[in-house]
Amino acid sequence: MSDGIHLTTYHNAVKTWLDEQLPWLKVVDCYPEVKKTLQTPCAFFAVSDWDRADSQPMNGQLCVTLNCEILAVLGMADAQYQLEVRNAAMAIGLKIEGSRFGMPIKPAVFVSAEPDAFQPELDEYAVWSIRFNQDIEVGEDAFKPEGLTPTQVVVGYSPDIGKQNHDKYEQVIPDV
């Protein structure tokens, strides 16, 4: 499905997608490296690790299942911050399920959402972890055709073939 997705490309696509889909987030970044007070609500995206996927493409690429996490971070000034951080985690989880983040990859699969206490630099905030998995193919496709790849295939039947009969052709593979 992909032509060698690079992790940097994946991170940037997810960050951009989160920014576009969840405009109420003030900051979207990768991996929490907190050096100053955060503008909340915000989110941090990370690829925690990856495993070999059950299904392999057999084209020289390796299909891996990325284990991903988004940290939803809210301030604690609001009296209802516990409810608000849960609502934020639910909204993110709903958006994540089935998303491809604008790339030719398999859809994301929501796994879980739970409070997160493993980021000591975020102890001053209410934090929930939203986990999801996504299969991507890395490496180059050994069978990728050279040159232009057709985006449409049409068939004409004899004797109605040729330019003068183009309107009689049937499309057998839809436009991409």
N, C-alpha and C. Protein backbone atom coordinates (compact mmCIF):
# COMPACT_ATOMS: atom_id res chain seq x y z
N MET A 1 0.81 -1.21 0.00
CA MET A 1 0.00 0.00 0.00
C MET A 1 0.85 1.26 0.00
N SER A 2 2.09 1.19 0.45
CA SER A 2 2.90 2.40 0.48
C SER A 2 4.20 2.17 -0.24
N ASP A 3 4.89 3.23 -0.51
CA ASP A 3 6.20 3.15 -1.14
C ASP A 3 7.26 3.56 -0.13
N GLY A 4 7.39 2.82 0.93
CA GLY A 4 8.43 3.07 1.90
C GLY A 4 8.15 4.24 2.81
N ILE A 5 7.11 4.17 3.61
CA ILE A 5 6.78 5.22 4.57
C ILE A 5 7.96 5.36 5.55
N HIS A 6 8.38 6.57 5.79
CA HIS A 6 9.43 6.88 6.75
C HIS A 6 8.75 7.38 8.03
N LEU A 7 9.31 7.08 9.19
CA LEU A 7 8.66 7.50 10.44
C LEU A 7 8.50 9.01 10.54
N THR A 8 9.43 9.77 10.02
CA THR A 8 9.29 11.23 10.05
C THR A 8 8.07 11.65 9.25
N THR A 9 7.86 11.04 8.09
CA THR A 9 6.70 11.33 7.25
C THR A 9 5.42 10.98 8.01
N TYR A 10 5.42 9.83 8.67
CA TYR A 10 4.25 9.39 9.43
C TYR A 10 3.95 10.37 10.57
N HIS A 11 4.97 10.73 11.36
CA HIS A 11 4.78 11.68 12.46
C HIS A 11 4.19 13.00 11.96
N ASN A 12 4.77 13.52 10.89
CA ASN A 12 4.29 14.80 10.36
C ASN A 12 2.85 14.71 9.87
N ALA A 13 2.51 13.61 9.23
CA ALA A 13 1.14 13.44 8.74
C ALA A 13 0.14 13.36 9.88
N VAL A 14 0.48 12.63 10.94
CA VAL A 14 -0.43 12.50 12.09
C VAL A 14 -0.57 13.85 12.79
N LYS A 15 0.53 14.56 12.99
CA LYS A 15 0.46 15.88 13.63
C LYS A 15 -0.41 16.84 12.82
N THR A 16 -0.20 16.89 11.52
CA THR A 16 -0.99 17.77 10.65
C THR A 16 -2.46 17.39 10.71
N TRP A 17 -2.74 16.10 10.65
CA TRP A 17 -4.12 15.62 10.68
C TRP A 17 -4.80 15.99 12.00
N LEU A 18 -4.10 15.78 13.13
CA LEU A 18 -4.66 16.14 14.44
C LEU A 18 -4.96 17.63 14.50
N ASP A 19 -4.04 18.43 13.99
CA ASP A 19 -4.21 19.88 13.98
C ASP A 19 -5.45 20.28 13.19
N GLU A 20 -5.67 19.63 12.04
CA GLU A 20 -6.81 19.96 11.18
C GLU A 20 -8.13 19.42 11.73
N GLN A 21 -8.11 18.21 12.26
CA GLN A 21 -9.34 17.55 12.71
C GLN A 21 -9.81 17.99 14.09
N LEU A 22 -8.88 18.46 14.93
CA LEU A 22 -9.21 18.85 16.29
C LEU A 22 -8.76 20.28 16.55
N PRO A 23 -9.46 21.25 15.96
CA PRO A 23 -9.02 22.64 16.05
C PRO A 23 -9.03 23.22 17.46
N TRP A 24 -9.69 22.57 18.40
CA TRP A 24 -9.72 23.05 19.78
C TRP A 24 -8.40 22.79 20.51
N LEU A 25 -7.53 21.95 19.93
CA LEU A 25 -6.20 21.75 20.53
C LEU A 25 -5.33 22.96 20.21
N LYS A 26 -4.73 23.54 21.22
CA LYS A 26 -3.90 24.73 21.02
C LYS A 26 -2.50 24.37 20.51
N VAL A 27 -2.01 23.19 20.89
CA VAL A 27 -0.69 22.74 20.46
C VAL A 27 -0.77 21.25 20.16
N VAL A 28 -0.16 20.84 19.05
CA VAL A 28 -0.01 19.42 18.71
C VAL A 28 1.47 19.22 18.41
N ASP A 29 2.10 18.29 19.12
CA ASP A 29 3.52 18.06 18.92
C ASP A 29 3.83 16.58 19.10
N CYS A 30 5.07 16.20 18.84
CA CYS A 30 5.52 14.83 19.05
C CYS A 30 6.28 14.75 20.36
N TYR A 31 6.08 13.69 21.08
CA TYR A 31 6.84 13.38 22.29
C TYR A 31 6.93 14.57 23.24
N PRO A 32 6.39 14.40 24.43
CA PRO A 32 6.38 15.53 25.37
C PRO A 32 7.78 15.87 25.88
N GLU A 33 8.28 17.00 25.45
CA GLU A 33 9.54 17.53 25.96
C GLU A 33 9.21 18.90 26.52
N VAL A 34 8.71 18.92 27.75
CA VAL A 34 8.19 20.13 28.36
C VAL A 34 9.32 20.92 29.01
N LYS A 35 9.50 22.15 28.52
CA LYS A 35 10.52 23.02 29.09
C LYS A 35 9.90 24.31 29.61
N LYS A 36 8.62 24.50 29.33
CA LYS A 36 7.93 25.70 29.78
C LYS A 36 6.46 25.36 29.99
N THR A 37 5.71 26.31 30.47
CA THR A 37 4.28 26.11 30.70
C THR A 37 3.59 25.84 29.37
N LEU A 38 2.73 24.84 29.36
CA LEU A 38 2.02 24.44 28.13
C LEU A 38 0.76 25.25 27.93
N GLN A 39 0.43 25.49 26.66
CA GLN A 39 -0.87 26.04 26.31
C GLN A 39 -1.81 24.85 26.19
N THR A 40 -2.80 24.78 27.06
CA THR A 40 -3.72 23.64 27.04
C THR A 40 -5.09 24.10 26.56
N PRO A 41 -5.87 23.19 25.99
CA PRO A 41 -5.60 21.77 25.80
C PRO A 41 -4.58 21.55 24.67
N CYS A 42 -3.78 20.50 24.83
CA CYS A 42 -2.80 20.17 23.81
C CYS A 42 -2.68 18.65 23.71
N ALA A 43 -1.94 18.20 22.71
CA ALA A 43 -1.77 16.76 22.51
C ALA A 43 -0.33 16.49 22.07
N PHE A 44 0.18 15.36 22.52
CA PHE A 44 1.49 14.89 22.10
C PHE A 44 1.33 13.52 21.46
N PHE A 45 1.92 13.35 20.29
CA PHE A 45 1.83 12.09 19.56
C PHE A 45 3.17 11.37 19.64
N ALA A 46 3.12 10.04 19.79
CA ALA A 46 4.34 9.24 19.82
C ALA A 46 4.10 7.86 19.23
N VAL A 47 5.11 7.33 18.56
CA VAL A 47 5.12 5.93 18.16
C VAL A 47 5.91 5.23 19.26
N SER A 48 5.23 4.42 20.06
CA SER A 48 5.86 3.78 21.22
C SER A 48 6.81 2.66 20.79
N ASP A 49 6.34 1.82 19.88
CA ASP A 49 7.15 0.72 19.36
C ASP A 49 6.41 0.11 18.18
N TRP A 50 6.96 -0.94 17.60
CA TRP A 50 6.29 -1.62 16.49
C TRP A 50 6.67 -3.09 16.49
N ASP A 51 5.78 -3.87 15.88
CA ASP A 51 5.94 -5.31 15.75
C ASP A 51 5.73 -5.70 14.30
N ARG A 52 6.22 -6.88 13.95
CA ARG A 52 5.95 -7.43 12.62
C ARG A 52 4.44 -7.70 12.53
N ALA A 53 3.81 -7.23 11.46
CA ALA A 53 2.38 -7.45 11.26
C ALA A 53 2.14 -8.90 10.87
N ASP A 54 0.93 -9.39 11.14
CA ASP A 54 0.58 -10.77 10.82
C ASP A 54 0.59 -11.02 9.31
N SER A 55 0.18 -10.04 8.54
CA SER A 55 0.10 -10.19 7.09
C SER A 55 1.25 -9.40 6.44
N GLN A 56 1.97 -10.05 5.53
CA GLN A 56 3.09 -9.41 4.86
C GLN A 56 2.79 -9.25 3.36
N PRO A 57 3.28 -8.18 2.71
CA PRO A 57 2.93 -7.90 1.32
C PRO A 57 3.63 -8.77 0.27
N MET A 58 4.71 -9.46 0.62
CA MET A 58 5.44 -10.33 -0.33
C MET A 58 5.97 -9.56 -1.54
N ASN A 59 6.37 -8.32 -1.33
CA ASN A 59 6.92 -7.52 -2.42
C ASN A 59 8.26 -6.88 -2.05
N GLY A 60 8.89 -7.41 -1.01
CA GLY A 60 10.16 -6.86 -0.55
C GLY A 60 10.00 -5.85 0.56
N GLN A 61 8.77 -5.42 0.82
CA GLN A 61 8.52 -4.48 1.91
C GLN A 61 8.25 -5.27 3.19
N LEU A 62 8.38 -4.60 4.31
CA LEU A 62 8.04 -5.18 5.61
C LEU A 62 6.83 -4.45 6.14
N CYS A 63 5.80 -5.18 6.49
CA CYS A 63 4.60 -4.58 7.09
C CYS A 63 4.76 -4.65 8.61
N VAL A 64 4.69 -3.50 9.27
CA VAL A 64 4.81 -3.44 10.72
C VAL A 64 3.55 -2.83 11.31
N THR A 65 3.23 -3.25 12.52
CA THR A 65 2.14 -2.66 13.27
C THR A 65 2.72 -1.65 14.23
N LEU A 66 2.44 -0.37 13.98
CA LEU A 66 2.91 0.69 14.87
C LEU A 66 1.99 0.75 16.09
N ASN A 67 2.58 0.79 17.27
CA ASN A 67 1.83 0.98 18.51
C ASN A 67 2.00 2.45 18.88
N CYS A 68 0.92 3.20 18.74
CA CYS A 68 0.98 4.66 18.87
C CYS A 68 0.23 5.14 20.10
N GLU A 69 0.59 6.35 20.50
CA GLU A 69 -0.04 6.95 21.68
C GLU A 69 -0.19 8.45 21.45
N ILE A 70 -1.34 8.96 21.87
CA ILE A 70 -1.56 10.40 21.90
C ILE A 70 -1.87 10.76 23.34
N LEU A 71 -1.14 11.71 23.88
CA LEU A 71 -1.41 12.21 25.22
C LEU A 71 -2.28 13.45 25.11
N ALA A 72 -3.47 13.39 25.70
CA ALA A 72 -4.34 14.56 25.78
C ALA A 72 -4.00 15.26 27.08
N VAL A 73 -3.61 16.53 27.01
CA VAL A 73 -3.13 17.27 28.18
C VAL A 73 -4.01 18.49 28.40
N LEU A 74 -4.57 18.58 29.61
CA LEU A 74 -5.39 19.74 29.99
C LEU A 74 -4.88 20.31 31.30
N GLY A 75 -5.10 21.61 31.48
CA GLY A 75 -4.75 22.25 32.74
C GLY A 75 -5.74 21.87 33.81
N MET A 76 -5.36 22.13 35.06
CA MET A 76 -6.23 21.76 36.18
C MET A 76 -6.94 22.96 36.79
N ALA A 77 -6.94 24.09 36.11
CA ALA A 77 -7.58 25.30 36.65
C ALA A 77 -9.10 25.17 36.66
N ASP A 78 -9.67 24.52 35.68
CA ASP A 78 -11.11 24.35 35.57
C ASP A 78 -11.58 23.35 36.63
N ALA A 79 -12.69 23.67 37.29
CA ALA A 79 -13.24 22.78 38.33
C ALA A 79 -13.64 21.43 37.75
N GLN A 80 -13.97 21.37 36.48
CA GLN A 80 -14.41 20.13 35.83
C GLN A 80 -13.29 19.50 34.98
N TYR A 81 -12.03 19.73 35.34
CA TYR A 81 -10.93 19.26 34.48
C TYR A 81 -10.91 17.75 34.31
N GLN A 82 -11.34 16.99 35.31
CA GLN A 82 -11.36 15.53 35.17
C GLN A 82 -12.34 15.09 34.09
N LEU A 83 -13.51 15.70 34.09
CA LEU A 83 -14.50 15.39 33.06
C LEU A 83 -14.02 15.88 31.69
N GLU A 84 -13.43 17.07 31.64
CA GLU A 84 -12.98 17.65 30.38
C GLU A 84 -11.85 16.84 29.74
N VAL A 85 -10.91 16.33 30.53
CA VAL A 85 -9.82 15.54 29.96
C VAL A 85 -10.36 14.21 29.43
N ARG A 86 -11.36 13.65 30.09
CA ARG A 86 -11.99 12.42 29.58
C ARG A 86 -12.74 12.69 28.29
N ASN A 87 -13.45 13.81 28.23
CA ASN A 87 -14.13 14.19 26.99
C ASN A 87 -13.14 14.39 25.85
N ALA A 88 -12.01 15.01 26.14
CA ALA A 88 -10.98 15.21 25.12
C ALA A 88 -10.44 13.87 24.64
N ALA A 89 -10.18 12.95 25.57
CA ALA A 89 -9.67 11.62 25.19
C ALA A 89 -10.70 10.87 24.34
N MET A 90 -11.97 10.98 24.68
CA MET A 90 -13.02 10.32 23.90
C MET A 90 -13.10 10.92 22.50
N ALA A 91 -13.04 12.23 22.40
CA ALA A 91 -13.10 12.88 21.08
C ALA A 91 -11.93 12.47 20.21
N ILE A 92 -10.74 12.40 20.79
CA ILE A 92 -9.56 11.99 20.03
C ILE A 92 -9.69 10.54 19.59
N GLY A 93 -10.13 9.67 20.50
CA GLY A 93 -10.31 8.25 20.16
C GLY A 93 -11.30 8.05 19.03
N LEU A 94 -12.40 8.80 19.04
CA LEU A 94 -13.40 8.69 17.97
C LEU A 94 -12.83 9.13 16.63
N LYS A 95 -12.03 10.19 16.62
CA LYS A 95 -11.44 10.67 15.38
C LYS A 95 -10.37 9.72 14.84
N ILE A 96 -9.61 9.11 15.75
CA ILE A 96 -8.50 8.23 15.37
C ILE A 96 -9.01 6.96 14.68
N GLU A 97 -10.06 6.36 15.22
CA GLU A 97 -10.57 5.08 14.69
C GLU A 97 -10.83 5.17 13.20
N GLY A 98 -10.15 4.33 12.45
CA GLY A 98 -10.37 4.24 11.01
C GLY A 98 -9.62 5.27 10.18
N SER A 99 -8.87 6.16 10.81
CA SER A 99 -8.17 7.20 10.06
C SER A 99 -6.93 6.67 9.36
N ARG A 100 -6.64 7.25 8.21
CA ARG A 100 -5.42 6.93 7.45
C ARG A 100 -4.46 8.12 7.44
N PHE A 101 -4.85 9.22 8.06
CA PHE A 101 -4.03 10.42 8.19
C PHE A 101 -3.56 10.96 6.84
N GLY A 102 -4.38 10.76 5.81
CA GLY A 102 -4.06 11.28 4.49
C GLY A 102 -2.98 10.51 3.76
N MET A 103 -2.67 9.31 4.21
CA MET A 103 -1.63 8.50 3.57
C MET A 103 -2.22 7.19 3.06
N PRO A 104 -1.55 6.55 2.09
CA PRO A 104 -2.04 5.26 1.57
C PRO A 104 -1.63 4.11 2.48
N ILE A 105 -2.22 4.08 3.68
CA ILE A 105 -1.91 3.05 4.67
C ILE A 105 -3.21 2.47 5.20
N LYS A 106 -3.11 1.40 5.95
CA LYS A 106 -4.30 0.77 6.51
C LYS A 106 -4.89 1.67 7.60
N PRO A 107 -6.20 1.55 7.87
CA PRO A 107 -6.84 2.40 8.86
C PRO A 107 -6.32 2.15 10.28
N ALA A 108 -6.31 3.21 11.08
CA ALA A 108 -5.92 3.11 12.48
C ALA A 108 -6.98 2.35 13.26
N VAL A 109 -6.54 1.61 14.29
CA VAL A 109 -7.45 0.85 15.14
C VAL A 109 -7.30 1.34 16.57
N PHE A 110 -8.36 1.95 17.10
CA PHE A 110 -8.35 2.41 18.49
C PHE A 110 -8.17 1.22 19.42
N VAL A 111 -7.30 1.36 20.43
CA VAL A 111 -7.04 0.28 21.38
C VAL A 111 -7.59 0.61 22.76
N SER A 112 -7.21 1.78 23.31
CA SER A 112 -7.64 2.11 24.67
C SER A 112 -7.41 3.58 24.98
N ALA A 113 -8.02 4.03 26.06
CA ALA A 113 -7.78 5.36 26.61
C ALA A 113 -7.82 5.23 28.12
N GLU A 114 -6.85 5.84 28.78
CA GLU A 114 -6.76 5.73 30.24
C GLU A 114 -5.92 6.87 30.78
N PRO A 115 -6.05 7.15 32.09
CA PRO A 115 -5.22 8.19 32.69
C PRO A 115 -3.74 7.82 32.55
N ASP A 116 -2.92 8.83 32.38
CA ASP A 116 -1.49 8.59 32.23
C ASP A 116 -0.73 9.29 33.36
N ALA A 117 0.09 8.53 34.06
CA ALA A 117 0.90 9.10 35.14
C ALA A 117 2.37 8.78 34.94
N PHE A 118 2.74 8.44 33.70
CA PHE A 118 4.11 8.01 33.43
C PHE A 118 4.99 9.11 32.87
N GLN A 119 4.47 10.32 32.80
CA GLN A 119 5.25 11.45 32.28
C GLN A 119 5.46 12.44 33.43
N PRO A 120 6.54 12.31 34.21
CA PRO A 120 6.73 13.18 35.38
C PRO A 120 6.74 14.67 35.02
N GLU A 121 7.17 15.01 33.81
CA GLU A 121 7.19 16.42 33.42
C GLU A 121 5.79 16.99 33.21
N LEU A 122 4.78 16.10 33.18
CA LEU A 122 3.39 16.54 33.00
C LEU A 122 2.56 16.39 34.27
N ASP A 123 3.21 16.26 35.42
CA ASP A 123 2.49 16.07 36.69
C ASP A 123 1.58 17.24 37.06
N GLU A 124 1.84 18.42 36.52
CA GLU A 124 1.02 19.60 36.82
C GLU A 124 -0.22 19.68 35.96
N TYR A 125 -0.45 18.67 35.12
CA TYR A 125 -1.56 18.68 34.18
C TYR A 125 -2.39 17.41 34.33
N ALA A 126 -3.62 17.47 33.82
CA ALA A 126 -4.46 16.26 33.72
C ALA A 126 -4.12 15.63 32.37
N VAL A 127 -3.70 14.36 32.38
CA VAL A 127 -3.21 13.71 31.17
C VAL A 127 -3.90 12.36 30.98
N TRP A 128 -4.40 12.14 29.77
CA TRP A 128 -4.94 10.84 29.39
C TRP A 128 -4.19 10.34 28.17
N SER A 129 -3.98 9.03 28.14
CA SER A 129 -3.29 8.38 27.03
C SER A 129 -4.31 7.67 26.14
N ILE A 130 -4.26 7.99 24.86
CA ILE A 130 -5.12 7.33 23.86
C ILE A 130 -4.19 6.48 23.00
N ARG A 131 -4.42 5.17 23.00
CA ARG A 131 -3.55 4.26 22.25
C ARG A 131 -4.28 3.71 21.03
N PHE A 132 -3.49 3.57 19.94
CA PHE A 132 -4.03 2.96 18.73
C PHE A 132 -2.91 2.25 17.99
N ASN A 133 -3.30 1.33 17.12
CA ASN A 133 -2.35 0.59 16.28
C ASN A 133 -2.62 0.93 14.82
N GLN A 134 -1.56 0.82 14.02
CA GLN A 134 -1.73 1.05 12.59
C GLN A 134 -0.65 0.29 11.84
N ASP A 135 -1.07 -0.43 10.80
CA ASP A 135 -0.13 -1.16 9.95
C ASP A 135 0.37 -0.24 8.84
N ILE A 136 1.70 -0.24 8.67
CA ILE A 136 2.30 0.48 7.54
C ILE A 136 3.33 -0.43 6.89
N GLU A 137 3.59 -0.19 5.64
CA GLU A 137 4.61 -0.95 4.92
C GLU A 137 5.83 -0.06 4.77
N VAL A 138 6.99 -0.60 5.13
CA VAL A 138 8.24 0.16 5.03
C VAL A 138 9.16 -0.53 4.03
N GLY A 139 10.06 0.23 3.46
CA GLY A 139 10.94 -0.31 2.44
C GLY A 139 10.36 -0.08 1.07
N GLU A 140 11.14 -0.42 0.07
CA GLU A 140 10.72 -0.19 -1.31
C GLU A 140 10.03 -1.43 -1.89
N ASP A 141 9.00 -1.20 -2.67
CA ASP A 141 8.26 -2.25 -3.36
C ASP A 141 9.11 -2.77 -4.52
N ALA A 142 9.53 -4.03 -4.44
CA ALA A 142 10.40 -4.63 -5.47
C ALA A 142 9.69 -4.75 -6.82
N PHE A 143 8.35 -4.72 -6.82
CA PHE A 143 7.60 -4.90 -8.06
C PHE A 143 6.94 -3.62 -8.54
N LYS A 144 7.34 -2.49 -7.97
CA LYS A 144 6.75 -1.22 -8.37
C LYS A 144 7.08 -0.98 -9.84
N PRO A 145 6.06 -0.72 -10.65
CA PRO A 145 6.33 -0.51 -12.08
C PRO A 145 7.11 0.78 -12.32
N GLU A 146 7.95 0.75 -13.35
CA GLU A 146 8.69 1.95 -13.72
C GLU A 146 7.83 2.82 -14.62
N GLY A 147 8.07 4.09 -14.59
CA GLY A 147 7.33 5.01 -15.44
C GLY A 147 5.97 5.36 -14.87
N LEU A 148 5.07 5.76 -15.73
CA LEU A 148 3.74 6.16 -15.31
C LEU A 148 2.87 4.96 -15.00
N THR A 149 2.15 5.03 -13.92
CA THR A 149 1.20 3.99 -13.56
C THR A 149 -0.18 4.42 -14.04
N PRO A 150 -0.89 3.57 -14.82
CA PRO A 150 -2.21 3.97 -15.30
C PRO A 150 -3.18 4.20 -14.14
N THR A 151 -4.05 5.17 -14.31
CA THR A 151 -5.06 5.44 -13.29
C THR A 151 -6.45 5.02 -13.76
N GLN A 152 -6.56 4.64 -15.03
CA GLN A 152 -7.85 4.24 -15.57
C GLN A 152 -7.62 3.21 -16.68
N VAL A 153 -8.47 2.18 -16.70
CA VAL A 153 -8.39 1.17 -17.76
C VAL A 153 -9.77 1.08 -18.40
N VAL A 154 -9.80 1.20 -19.73
CA VAL A 154 -11.05 1.09 -20.47
C VAL A 154 -10.89 0.03 -21.56
N VAL A 155 -12.00 -0.60 -21.93
CA VAL A 155 -11.98 -1.67 -22.92
C VAL A 155 -12.99 -1.36 -24.01
N GLY A 156 -12.57 -1.60 -25.25
CA GLY A 156 -13.47 -1.51 -26.39
C GLY A 156 -13.59 -2.88 -27.04
N TYR A 157 -14.75 -3.19 -27.61
CA TYR A 157 -14.99 -4.50 -28.21
C TYR A 157 -15.07 -4.36 -29.73
N SER A 158 -14.39 -5.27 -30.43
CA SER A 158 -14.37 -5.26 -31.88
C SER A 158 -15.79 -5.49 -32.40
N PRO A 159 -16.28 -4.83 -33.38
CA PRO A 159 -15.59 -3.91 -34.28
C PRO A 159 -15.64 -2.46 -33.80
N ASP A 160 -16.24 -2.15 -32.63
CA ASP A 160 -16.37 -0.76 -32.18
C ASP A 160 -15.14 -0.32 -31.39
N ILE A 161 -14.00 -0.24 -32.06
CA ILE A 161 -12.78 0.20 -31.39
C ILE A 161 -12.18 1.38 -32.15
N GLY A 162 -11.21 2.04 -31.55
CA GLY A 162 -10.57 3.18 -32.18
C GLY A 162 -11.10 4.49 -31.64
N LYS A 163 -10.42 5.58 -32.00
CA LYS A 163 -10.78 6.91 -31.49
C LYS A 163 -12.23 7.28 -31.78
N GLN A 164 -12.71 6.92 -32.96
CA GLN A 164 -14.07 7.30 -33.33
C GLN A 164 -15.13 6.61 -32.47
N ASN A 165 -14.76 5.54 -31.75
CA ASN A 165 -15.72 4.80 -30.91
C ASN A 165 -15.40 4.94 -29.42
N HIS A 166 -14.60 5.94 -29.04
CA HIS A 166 -14.16 6.09 -27.65
C HIS A 166 -15.34 6.16 -26.68
N ASP A 167 -16.44 6.75 -27.09
CA ASP A 167 -17.61 6.86 -26.21
C ASP A 167 -18.28 5.52 -25.96
N LYS A 168 -17.92 4.46 -26.70
CA LYS A 168 -18.50 3.13 -26.51
C LYS A 168 -17.65 2.26 -25.58
N TYR A 169 -16.49 2.74 -25.15
CA TYR A 169 -15.61 1.97 -24.28
C TYR A 169 -16.21 1.85 -22.88
N GLU A 170 -15.91 0.72 -22.22
CA GLU A 170 -16.36 0.49 -20.84
C GLU A 170 -15.18 0.63 -19.91
N GLN A 171 -15.40 1.33 -18.81
CA GLN A 171 -14.35 1.47 -17.81
C GLN A 171 -14.35 0.23 -16.92
N VAL A 172 -13.19 -0.46 -16.82
CA VAL A 172 -13.14 -1.69 -16.02
C VAL A 172 -12.41 -1.49 -14.69
N ILE A 173 -11.58 -0.49 -14.59
CA ILE A 173 -10.93 -0.14 -13.33
C ILE A 173 -11.22 1.31 -13.07
N PRO A 174 -11.83 1.64 -11.92
CA PRO A 174 -12.22 3.04 -11.66
C PRO A 174 -11.02 3.95 -11.51
N ASP A 175 -11.25 5.25 -11.71
CA ASP A 175 -10.21 6.26 -11.49
C ASP A 175 -9.74 6.17 -10.05
N VAL A 176 -8.46 6.43 -9.86
CA VAL A 176 -7.89 6.41 -8.51
C VAL A 176 -8.07 7.77 -7.88
